[in-house]
C-alpha atoms as a PDB file:
ATOM      1  CA  MET A   1     -12.054  61.004 -18.237  1.00  0.00           C
ATOM      2  CA  TYR A   2     -10.087  64.398 -18.940  1.00  0.00           C
ATOM      3  CA  GLY A   3      -7.812  64.393 -22.028  1.00  0.00           C
ATOM      4  CA  ARG A   4      -4.098  64.967 -21.607  1.00  0.00           C
ATOM      5  CA  ASN A   5      -4.164  68.713 -21.955  1.00  0.00           C
ATOM      6  CA  THR A   6      -7.390  69.282 -19.418  1.00  0.00           C
ATOM      7  CA  MET A   7      -5.286  67.073 -16.964  1.00  0.00           C
ATOM      8  CA  ARG A   8      -1.812  68.733 -17.571  1.00  0.00           C
ATOM      9  CA  LYS A   9      -4.226  72.365 -16.730  1.00  0.00           C
ATOM     10  CA  LEU A  10      -5.524  70.745 -13.842  1.00  0.00           C
ATOM     11  CA  VAL A  11      -2.773  69.409 -12.416  1.00  0.00           C
ATOM     12  CA  GLY A  12      -0.549  72.480 -13.115  1.00  0.00           C
ATOM     13  CA  GLY A  13      -3.264  74.546 -11.418  1.00  0.00           C
ATOM     14  CA  ALA A  14      -2.856  72.171  -8.259  1.00  0.00           C
ATOM     15  CA  LEU A  15       0.612  72.256  -8.381  1.00  0.00           C
ATOM     16  CA  CYS A  16       0.276  76.410  -8.213  1.00  0.00           C
ATOM     17  CA  ALA A  17      -2.483  76.357  -5.464  1.00  0.00           C
ATOM     18  CA  ILE A  18       0.409  74.073  -3.261  1.00  0.00           C
ATOM     19  CA  LEU A  19       3.002  76.292  -4.209  1.00  0.00           C
ATOM     20  CA  VAL A  20       0.819  79.400  -2.749  1.00  0.00           C
ATOM     21  CA  ALA A  21      -0.097  77.638   0.296  1.00  0.00           C
ATOM     22  CA  PHE A  22       3.473  76.415   0.930  1.00  0.00           C
ATOM     23  CA  SER A  23       4.827  80.650   0.535  1.00  0.00           C
ATOM     24  CA  VAL A  24       1.869  81.706   3.071  1.00  0.00           C
ATOM     25  CA  ALA A  25       3.288  79.045   5.762  1.00  0.00           C
ATOM     26  CA  ALA A  26       7.012  79.324   4.558  1.00  0.00           C
ATOM     27  CA  GLN A  27       9.268  81.211   7.160  1.00  0.00           C
ATOM     28  CA  ALA A  28      10.587  84.308   5.661  1.00  0.00           C
ATOM     29  CA  GLY A  29      14.579  83.543   4.583  1.00  0.00           C
ATOM     30  CA  GLY A  30      14.660  80.218   5.997  1.00  0.00           C
ATOM     31  CA  ALA A  31      15.428  77.063   3.455  1.00  0.00           C
ATOM     32  CA  VAL A  32      12.192  75.313   2.683  1.00  0.00           C
ATOM     33  CA  GLN A  33      12.317  71.246   1.954  1.00  0.00           C
ATOM     34  CA  PHE A  34       9.781  69.274   0.064  1.00  0.00           C
ATOM     35  CA  MET A  35       9.468  65.243  -0.364  1.00  0.00           C
ATOM     36  CA  ASP A  36       7.270  64.165  -3.456  1.00  0.00           C
ATOM     37  CA  LEU A  37       5.691  61.251  -3.840  1.00  0.00           C
ATOM     38  CA  GLN A  38       5.872  59.885  -7.607  1.00  0.00           C
ATOM     39  CA  TRP A  39       3.988  57.170  -9.403  1.00  0.00           C
ATOM     40  CA  LEU A  40       5.524  56.106 -13.067  1.00  0.00           C
ATOM     41  CA  GLN A  41       3.683  55.871 -16.692  1.00  0.00           C
ATOM     42  CA  PRO A  42       3.272  52.625 -17.302  1.00  0.00           C
ATOM     43  CA  GLY A  43       6.487  50.779 -18.744  1.00  0.00           C
ATOM     44  CA  VAL A  44       8.692  53.564 -17.455  1.00  0.00           C
ATOM     45  CA  SER A  45      11.296  52.157 -14.562  1.00  0.00           C
ATOM     46  CA  PRO A  46      12.608  53.813 -11.235  1.00  0.00           C
ATOM     47  CA  THR A  47      15.771  54.000 -12.799  1.00  0.00           C
ATOM     48  CA  GLN A  48      14.723  56.219 -15.384  1.00  0.00           C
ATOM     49  CA  ALA A  49      12.982  58.373 -12.976  1.00  0.00           C
ATOM     50  CA  GLY A  50      16.049  58.325 -10.893  1.00  0.00           C
ATOM     51  CA  ALA A  51      17.916  59.666 -13.964  1.00  0.00           C
ATOM     52  CA  TYR A  52      15.484  62.319 -14.522  1.00  0.00           C
ATOM     53  CA  PHE A  53      15.930  63.675 -11.302  1.00  0.00           C
ATOM     54  CA  HIS A  54      19.762  63.746 -10.953  1.00  0.00           C
ATOM     55  CA  GLU A  55      20.814  64.340 -14.865  1.00  0.00           C
ATOM     56  CA  ALA A  56      17.932  66.713 -16.101  1.00  0.00           C
ATOM     57  CA  LEU A  57      16.114  68.243 -12.863  1.00  0.00           C
ATOM     58  CA  GLY A  58      19.340  68.655 -10.732  1.00  0.00           C
ATOM     59  CA  PRO A  59      21.016  70.911 -12.519  1.00  0.00           C
ATOM     60  CA  ILE A  60      18.458  73.184 -12.738  1.00  0.00           C
ATOM     61  CA  VAL A  61      17.475  73.273  -8.949  1.00  0.00           C
ATOM     62  CA  ARG A  62      21.215  73.561  -8.459  1.00  0.00           C
ATOM     63  CA  LYS A  63      20.957  76.543 -10.520  1.00  0.00           C
ATOM     64  CA  HIS A  64      18.115  78.181  -8.217  1.00  0.00           C
ATOM     65  CA  GLY A  65      20.196  77.357  -4.921  1.00  0.00           C
ATOM     66  CA  GLY A  66      18.512  74.063  -4.413  1.00  0.00           C
ATOM     67  CA  LYS A  67      19.870  70.437  -3.976  1.00  0.00           C
ATOM     68  CA  LEU A  68      18.478  67.059  -4.474  1.00  0.00           C
ATOM     69  CA  LEU A  69      17.930  65.480  -0.828  1.00  0.00           C
ATOM     70  CA  PHE A  70      17.440  61.714  -1.495  1.00  0.00           C
ATOM     71  CA  THR A  71      15.395  59.880  -4.352  1.00  0.00           C
ATOM     72  CA  TYR A  72      14.326  56.322  -3.025  1.00  0.00           C
ATOM     73  CA  GLN A  73      12.483  53.208  -5.222  1.00  0.00           C
ATOM     74  CA  VAL A  74       9.770  52.007  -2.946  1.00  0.00           C
ATOM     75  CA  LEU A  75      10.133  48.667  -2.571  1.00  0.00           C
ATOM     76  CA  GLY A  76       6.825  47.856  -0.205  1.00  0.00           C
ATOM     77  CA  VAL A  77       4.367  49.248   2.057  1.00  0.00           C
ATOM     78  CA  MET A  78       4.002  48.481   5.467  1.00  0.00           C
ATOM     79  CA  LYS A  79       0.579  49.971   5.821  1.00  0.00           C
ATOM     80  CA  ARG A  80      -2.319  50.772   3.764  1.00  0.00           C
ATOM     81  CA  ASP A  81      -2.527  50.807  -0.159  1.00  0.00           C
ATOM     82  CA  LEU A  82      -0.525  53.942  -1.079  1.00  0.00           C
ATOM     83  CA  LYS A  83       2.492  52.899  -3.104  1.00  0.00           C
ATOM     84  CA  PRO A  84       4.152  55.383  -5.153  1.00  0.00           C
ATOM     85  CA  ALA A  85       7.469  54.140  -7.237  1.00  0.00           C
ATOM     86  CA  VAL A  86       9.631  57.124  -5.902  1.00  0.00           C
ATOM     87  CA  ILE A  87      10.101  59.426  -3.224  1.00  0.00           C
ATOM     88  CA  ALA A  88      12.153  62.072  -3.873  1.00  0.00           C
ATOM     89  CA  GLY A  89      13.286  65.181  -1.527  1.00  0.00           C
ATOM     90  CA  LYS A  90      14.140  69.035  -2.567  1.00  0.00           C
ATOM     91  CA  GLU A  91      15.669  71.740  -0.381  1.00  0.00           C
ATOM     92  CA  PHE A  92      15.607  75.202  -2.034  1.00  0.00           C
ATOM     93  CA  PRO A  93      16.926  78.436   0.199  1.00  0.00           C
ATOM     94  CA  THR A  94      14.062  80.006   0.106  1.00  0.00           C
ATOM     95  CA  MET A  95      10.384  79.644  -1.339  1.00  0.00           C
ATOM     96  CA  ASP A  96      10.837  82.453  -3.821  1.00  0.00           C
ATOM     97  CA  ALA A  97      13.650  80.369  -5.486  1.00  0.00           C
ATOM     98  CA  MET A  98      11.862  77.141  -5.879  1.00  0.00           C
ATOM     99  CA  GLN A  99       8.680  79.518  -7.490  1.00  0.00           C
ATOM    100  CA  ASN A 100      11.655  81.034  -9.741  1.00  0.00           C
ATOM    101  CA  LEU A 101      12.457  76.944 -10.990  1.00  0.00           C
ATOM    102  CA  PHE A 102       9.175  76.434 -12.294  1.00  0.00           C
ATOM    103  CA  LYS A 103       9.174  79.720 -14.329  1.00  0.00           C
ATOM    104  CA  ASP A 104      12.723  79.322 -15.788  1.00  0.00           C
ATOM    105  CA  PRO A 105      12.973  78.429 -19.321  1.00  0.00           C
ATOM    106  CA  ASP A 106      15.376  75.635 -18.863  1.00  0.00           C
ATOM    107  CA  TYR A 107      12.365  73.596 -16.099  1.00  0.00           C
ATOM    108  CA  GLN A 108       9.906  74.445 -19.255  1.00  0.00           C
ATOM    109  CA  SER A 109      11.788  72.389 -21.569  1.00  0.00           C
ATOM    110  CA  ILE A 110      11.808  69.234 -19.562  1.00  0.00           C
ATOM    111  CA  VAL A 111       8.491  69.301 -18.736  1.00  0.00           C
ATOM    112  CA  PRO A 112       7.445  66.978 -21.783  1.00  0.00           C
ATOM    113  CA  GLN A 113      10.378  64.355 -20.456  1.00  0.00           C
ATOM    114  CA  ARG A 114       8.550  65.131 -16.878  1.00  0.00           C
ATOM    115  CA  ASP A 115       5.181  64.027 -18.204  1.00  0.00           C
ATOM    116  CA  ARG A 116       6.128  60.840 -19.782  1.00  0.00           C
ATOM    117  CA  ILE A 117       7.764  59.317 -17.062  1.00  0.00           C
ATOM    118  CA  PHE A 118       5.289  60.631 -13.917  1.00  0.00           C
ATOM    119  CA  ASP A 119       2.085  59.853 -13.689  1.00  0.00           C
ATOM    120  CA  LEU A 120       1.123  63.353 -12.182  1.00  0.00           C
ATOM    121  CA  SER A 121      -2.435  62.840 -11.594  1.00  0.00           C
ATOM    122  CA  GLN A 122      -1.476  60.605  -8.483  1.00  0.00           C
ATOM    123  CA  MET A 123       1.895  62.750  -7.406  1.00  0.00           C
ATOM    124  CA  ARG A 124       1.548  64.041  -3.720  1.00  0.00           C
ATOM    125  CA  LEU A 125       3.380  67.110  -2.913  1.00  0.00           C
ATOM    126  CA  PHE A 126       4.762  67.592   1.099  1.00  0.00           C
ATOM    127  CA  GLN A 127       6.739  70.955   2.622  1.00  0.00           C
ATOM    128  CA  ILE A 128       8.886  69.046   5.254  1.00  0.00           C
ATOM    129  CA  ALA A 129      10.982  70.000   8.632  1.00  0.00           C
ATOM    130  CA  PRO A 130      12.930  68.147  10.602  1.00  0.00           C
ATOM    131  CA  ILE A 131      11.582  67.897  13.963  1.00  0.00           C
ATOM    132  CA  GLY A 132      14.191  69.212  17.268  1.00  0.00           C
ATOM    133  CA  GLY A 133      15.767  66.364  19.140  1.00  0.00           C
ATOM    134  CA  ILE A 134      15.529  63.693  16.032  1.00  0.00           C
END
C-alpha cells in the first residue's frame, strides 16, 4: 500500500495528466465544463463535502471566472456498483482559467481540507458538454 504522501503525488500527477489531455481537447476561447464524482473519507458527510464546495472552493472558482454548476449527493445507484457520495459540476471561461485555479495560493491553502474530506484515489473527473437539442 502507498503512503499518504506518495498517494498525493500519484493523484496530483494523474490530475495534471488529465488537465493536459483536456487542454489539448478543449476548444480555444470557449467555456469548459467539468463533472467530478467524489468519494468521501470515512466519517465525512455529504453535507460537509457540500460546505467545502460552496464555502471554501466556490470563492476561488469565482475568482478565476468560473462557477459551480451543481453539487448533488448520490442517494442510490440504478445500475452497476459505482457509488460516489457526491457529484459536482463546474464551468470555467477557458481551460487556462481552470489550470490557474490549481496554481492559486488560495487553492493550495485549502488542499489539506480537501484531502480530509475526499478520497481522491477514487475520484473521477470528466470534461462535459451539452448535446444539442436536449
